[in-house]
Protein backbone atom coordinates (compact mmCIF):
# COMPACT_ATOMS: atom_id res chain seq x y z
CA UNK A 1 118.23 -75.17 11.65
CA UNK A 2 120.75 -75.91 14.25
CA UNK A 3 121.78 -79.57 15.33
CA UNK A 4 123.20 -80.31 18.83
CA UNK A 5 125.79 -82.82 19.54
CA UNK A 6 124.43 -85.46 21.83
CA UNK A 7 127.12 -86.86 24.27
CA UNK A 8 130.81 -85.50 24.52
CA UNK A 9 132.45 -83.06 21.95
CA UNK A 10 135.60 -85.37 21.89
CA UNK A 11 135.64 -87.41 18.85
CA UNK A 12 137.08 -90.70 20.47
CA UNK A 13 135.22 -91.35 24.09
CA UNK A 14 137.15 -92.88 26.69
CA UNK A 15 135.42 -96.61 28.35
CA UNK A 16 134.30 -94.68 31.08
CA UNK A 17 131.07 -93.90 32.42
CA UNK A 18 130.53 -90.72 33.91
CA UNK A 19 131.50 -90.31 37.56
CA UNK A 20 133.39 -93.80 37.30
CA UNK A 21 137.25 -93.86 38.77
CA UNK A 22 140.02 -95.31 36.74
CA UNK A 23 141.06 -97.78 39.21
CA UNK A 24 138.58 -100.68 39.88
CA UNK A 25 138.20 -102.44 43.53
CA UNK A 26 140.31 -105.59 43.51
CA UNK A 27 137.49 -108.30 43.73
CA UNK A 28 139.04 -111.39 46.04
CA UNK A 29 138.02 -114.48 44.49
CA UNK A 30 138.74 -117.90 45.69
CA UNK A 31 138.36 -121.20 43.51
CA UNK A 32 136.45 -123.96 45.04
CA UNK A 33 135.72 -127.61 44.08
CA UNK A 34 132.80 -129.69 45.39
CA UNK A 35 133.42 -133.34 45.44
CA UNK A 36 130.58 -135.90 45.50
CA UNK A 37 130.31 -137.95 48.39
CA UNK A 38 130.79 -141.20 45.91
CA UNK A 39 134.14 -139.18 44.84
CA UNK A 40 135.09 -138.80 48.61
CA UNK A 41 134.27 -142.33 48.98
CA UNK A 42 136.70 -143.71 46.50
CA UNK A 43 139.50 -141.48 47.21
CA UNK A 44 139.22 -142.72 51.16
CA UNK A 45 139.28 -146.27 49.56
CA UNK A 46 142.11 -146.09 47.17
CA UNK A 47 144.11 -144.29 50.26
CA UNK A 48 143.55 -147.04 52.47
CA UNK A 49 144.15 -149.76 49.79
CA UNK A 50 147.61 -147.90 49.79
CA UNK A 51 148.39 -148.09 53.44
CA UNK A 52 147.26 -152.13 53.49
CA UNK A 53 149.34 -152.55 50.24
CA UNK A 54 152.63 -150.75 52.00
CA UNK A 55 152.14 -152.30 55.51
CA UNK A 56 154.03 -155.22 55.83
CA UNK A 57 152.88 -159.06 57.03
CA UNK A 58 152.36 -159.20 60.81
CA UNK A 59 151.18 -162.75 60.86
CA UNK A 60 154.14 -164.26 59.40
CA UNK A 61 154.02 -167.31 62.18
CA UNK A 62 150.31 -167.70 61.47
CA UNK A 63 151.11 -167.95 57.62
CA UNK A 64 154.17 -170.40 58.18
CA UNK A 65 151.56 -172.51 60.21
CA UNK A 66 149.09 -172.76 57.55
CA UNK A 67 151.68 -173.37 54.97
CA UNK A 68 152.27 -176.85 57.10
CA UNK A 69 149.00 -177.83 57.68
CA UNK A 70 148.41 -176.96 53.48
CA UNK A 71 150.95 -179.31 52.70
CA UNK A 72 150.05 -182.37 55.35
CA UNK A 73 147.95 -184.44 53.59
CA UNK A 74 146.49 -185.95 56.41
CA UNK A 75 144.75 -181.94 57.36
CA UNK A 76 143.74 -181.88 54.17
CA UNK A 77 141.57 -185.16 54.24
CA UNK A 78 140.48 -184.35 57.99
CA UNK A 79 139.13 -180.81 56.57
CA UNK A 80 137.53 -182.12 53.25
CA UNK A 81 135.94 -184.99 55.44
CA UNK A 82 134.48 -182.70 57.86
CA UNK A 83 133.08 -180.17 55.52
CA UNK A 84 131.60 -182.68 53.24
CA UNK A 85 129.69 -184.08 56.10
CA UNK A 86 128.56 -180.65 57.22
CA UNK A 87 127.12 -180.53 53.70
CA UNK A 88 125.48 -183.36 53.72
CA UNK A 89 123.87 -182.75 57.41
CA UNK A 90 122.18 -179.51 55.51
CA UNK A 91 120.91 -181.16 52.83
CA UNK A 92 119.87 -184.21 54.79
CA UNK A 93 121.64 -186.63 53.24
């Protein structure tokens, strides 16, 4: 009885398959990131908050005017009285 060899007569076979060359074609890959719409909105909100925090106050004259009104007791009493009157009108008192 005769037993024939199966495959290559070499004792150690290379990892190549028949018909393949030693070099593989370069594969171009690029990484991608998909962001949810919520993440995009939060990022935009954070960017806008940083812009607002860095912006200088441009209404300093209005702020000074409001500070003077707050420090004037008659202004506060007039505003509180007017607000109280409107609240009473809403409730019919």
